[in-house]
Each structure stands twice: as structure tokens, then as C-alpha cells.
C-alpha atoms as a PDB file:
ATOM      1  CA  MET A   1     116.366 106.964  96.909  1.00  0.00           C
ATOM      2  CA  GLU A   2     115.606 103.399  95.885  1.00  0.00           C
ATOM      3  CA  PRO A   3     118.170 103.179  93.076  1.00  0.00           C
ATOM      4  CA  LEU A   4     120.791 105.106  95.033  1.00  0.00           C
ATOM      5  CA  TRP A   5     121.322 103.472  98.393  1.00  0.00           C
ATOM      6  CA  GLN A   6     122.586 100.158  99.652  1.00  0.00           C
ATOM      7  CA  ASP A   7     120.599  97.900 101.989  1.00  0.00           C
ATOM      8  CA  TYR A   8     122.782  98.841 104.972  1.00  0.00           C
ATOM      9  CA  GLU A   9     122.198 102.550 104.272  1.00  0.00           C
ATOM     10  CA  ARG A  10     118.435 102.069 104.098  1.00  0.00           C
ATOM     11  CA  ALA A  11     118.505 100.080 107.359  1.00  0.00           C
ATOM     12  CA  ALA A  12     120.481 102.828 109.108  1.00  0.00           C
ATOM     13  CA  VAL A  13     118.048 105.531 107.976  1.00  0.00           C
ATOM     14  CA  GLU A  14     114.984 103.480 108.912  1.00  0.00           C
ATOM     15  CA  SER A  15     116.481 102.794 112.339  1.00  0.00           C
ATOM     16  CA  LYS A  16     117.002 106.494 112.980  1.00  0.00           C
ATOM     17  CA  LEU A  17     113.525 107.409 111.727  1.00  0.00           C
ATOM     18  CA  ARG A  18     111.933 104.909 114.134  1.00  0.00           C
ATOM     19  CA  ALA A  19     113.365 106.999 116.965  1.00  0.00           C
ATOM     20  CA  ALA A  20     112.103 110.299 115.521  1.00  0.00           C
ATOM     21  CA  ILE A  21     109.412 112.165 117.420  1.00  0.00           C
ATOM     22  CA  VAL A  22     107.414 114.541 115.237  1.00  0.00           C
ATOM     23  CA  GLY A  23     103.969 116.075 115.130  1.00  0.00           C
ATOM     24  CA  SER A  24     101.667 118.154 117.278  1.00  0.00           C
ATOM     25  CA  ASN A  25     102.575 119.242 120.795  1.00  0.00           C
ATOM     26  CA  ALA A  26     100.267 116.538 122.175  1.00  0.00           C
ATOM     27  CA  ASN A  27     101.914 113.857 120.027  1.00  0.00           C
ATOM     28  CA  VAL A  28     105.415 115.006 120.992  1.00  0.00           C
ATOM     29  CA  ALA A  29     104.473 115.032 124.689  1.00  0.00           C
ATOM     30  CA  ALA A  30     103.020 111.526 124.510  1.00  0.00           C
ATOM     31  CA  LYS A  31     106.021 110.131 122.652  1.00  0.00           C
ATOM     32  CA  LEU A  32     108.532 111.851 124.940  1.00  0.00           C
ATOM     33  CA  GLU A  33     106.736 110.477 127.987  1.00  0.00           C
ATOM     34  CA  LYS A  34     106.785 106.988 126.456  1.00  0.00           C
ATOM     35  CA  LEU A  35     110.477 107.306 125.571  1.00  0.00           C
ATOM     36  CA  VAL A  36     111.349 108.309 129.137  1.00  0.00           C
ATOM     37  CA  SER A  37     109.115 105.604 130.582  1.00  0.00           C
ATOM     38  CA  ASP A  38     110.554 102.903 128.321  1.00  0.00           C
ATOM     39  CA  THR A  39     114.191 103.871 128.849  1.00  0.00           C
ATOM     40  CA  GLY A  40     114.240 105.340 132.354  1.00  0.00           C
ATOM     41  CA  ALA A  41     116.125 108.319 130.934  1.00  0.00           C
ATOM     42  CA  ASP A  42     116.544 111.370 133.130  1.00  0.00           C
ATOM     43  CA  GLU A  43     117.732 113.495 130.216  1.00  0.00           C
ATOM     44  CA  VAL A  44     116.736 113.789 126.561  1.00  0.00           C
ATOM     45  CA  VAL A  45     118.872 115.336 123.836  1.00  0.00           C
ATOM     46  CA  VAL A  46     116.858 117.009 121.083  1.00  0.00           C
ATOM     47  CA  VAL A  47     118.152 117.609 117.566  1.00  0.00           C
ATOM     48  CA  THR A  48     116.191 119.490 114.941  1.00  0.00           C
ATOM     49  CA  ASP A  49     117.461 119.362 111.367  1.00  0.00           C
ATOM     50  CA  THR A  50     116.161 122.366 109.454  1.00  0.00           C
ATOM     51  CA  PHE A  51     117.754 124.620 106.890  1.00  0.00           C
ATOM     52  CA  GLU A  52     116.388 127.862 108.318  1.00  0.00           C
ATOM     53  CA  HIS A  53     117.789 128.917 111.687  1.00  0.00           C
ATOM     54  CA  GLU A  54     114.486 130.551 112.703  1.00  0.00           C
ATOM     55  CA  ASP A  55     112.640 127.260 112.075  1.00  0.00           C
ATOM     56  CA  ARG A  56     115.138 125.435 114.288  1.00  0.00           C
ATOM     57  CA  LEU A  57     114.681 127.972 117.089  1.00  0.00           C
ATOM     58  CA  GLN A  58     110.901 127.677 116.845  1.00  0.00           C
ATOM     59  CA  SER A  59     111.164 123.891 117.031  1.00  0.00           C
ATOM     60  CA  TYR A  60     113.324 124.041 120.155  1.00  0.00           C
ATOM     61  CA  GLN A  61     110.933 126.543 121.754  1.00  0.00           C
ATOM     62  CA  ARG A  62     108.014 124.206 121.087  1.00  0.00           C
ATOM     63  CA  VAL A  63     109.879 121.223 122.564  1.00  0.00           C
ATOM     64  CA  ALA A  64     110.844 123.292 125.620  1.00  0.00           C
ATOM     65  CA  GLY A  65     107.187 124.191 126.128  1.00  0.00           C
ATOM     66  CA  VAL A  66     106.143 120.559 125.846  1.00  0.00           C
ATOM     67  CA  ALA A  67     108.909 119.473 128.236  1.00  0.00           C
ATOM     68  CA  ALA A  68     107.819 122.074 130.793  1.00  0.00           C
ATOM     69  CA  THR A  69     104.285 120.672 130.639  1.00  0.00           C
ATOM     70  CA  ILE A  70     105.570 117.147 131.188  1.00  0.00           C
ATOM     71  CA  GLU A  71     107.727 118.275 134.121  1.00  0.00           C
ATOM     72  CA  ARG A  72     104.779 120.075 135.766  1.00  0.00           C
ATOM     73  CA  ARG A  73     102.579 116.996 135.384  1.00  0.00           C
ATOM     74  CA  ALA A  74     105.300 114.768 136.865  1.00  0.00           C
ATOM     75  CA  VAL A  75     105.676 117.065 139.876  1.00  0.00           C
ATOM     76  CA  THR A  76     101.914 117.215 140.377  1.00  0.00           C
ATOM     77  CA  VAL A  77     101.533 113.431 140.103  1.00  0.00           C
ATOM     78  CA  GLY A  78     104.493 112.794 142.406  1.00  0.00           C
ATOM     79  CA  ALA A  79     103.316 115.246 145.075  1.00  0.00           C
END
């Protein structure tokens, strides 16, 4: 991409990538918990960009499983 994009385009992409959460279930859980802790968010919107629909569904299923784990831990800790 180096010869193709302008500085402002590179900055926009790098900014978005800093907010990306990727990796193993444990990594995603840790980063989601940090995101919620840092922002105080009570809702998170997840977007998965994949070409194959089945891959996108699998990604959302994995995130849902991770989120359920986080919710259970929060309820247990808060009880």
C-alpha cells in the first residue's frame, strides 16, 4: 500500500486497526473486558469483515461465546 495511499488514509486505517480485537478466545475476552472497563460501555457492537458468510457466522458465534463467559464472570463477581 505504501505507494498507493495518502498520509491521511494511512492514519485513518491505523486508527481503526488500533481498535481491532483479534486472536484467541482468551485474548478477545481480555481485550473486550479492557475496552468495557476503559470506556464504561454497557454495549459493544461487533463487526466481522470476511468474504465467506460461514466464516462471519463462526466469528460471531465465537464472540457470543466469549461475551457469555464475561457476563457470567461479572454476575459471579458482583454477587
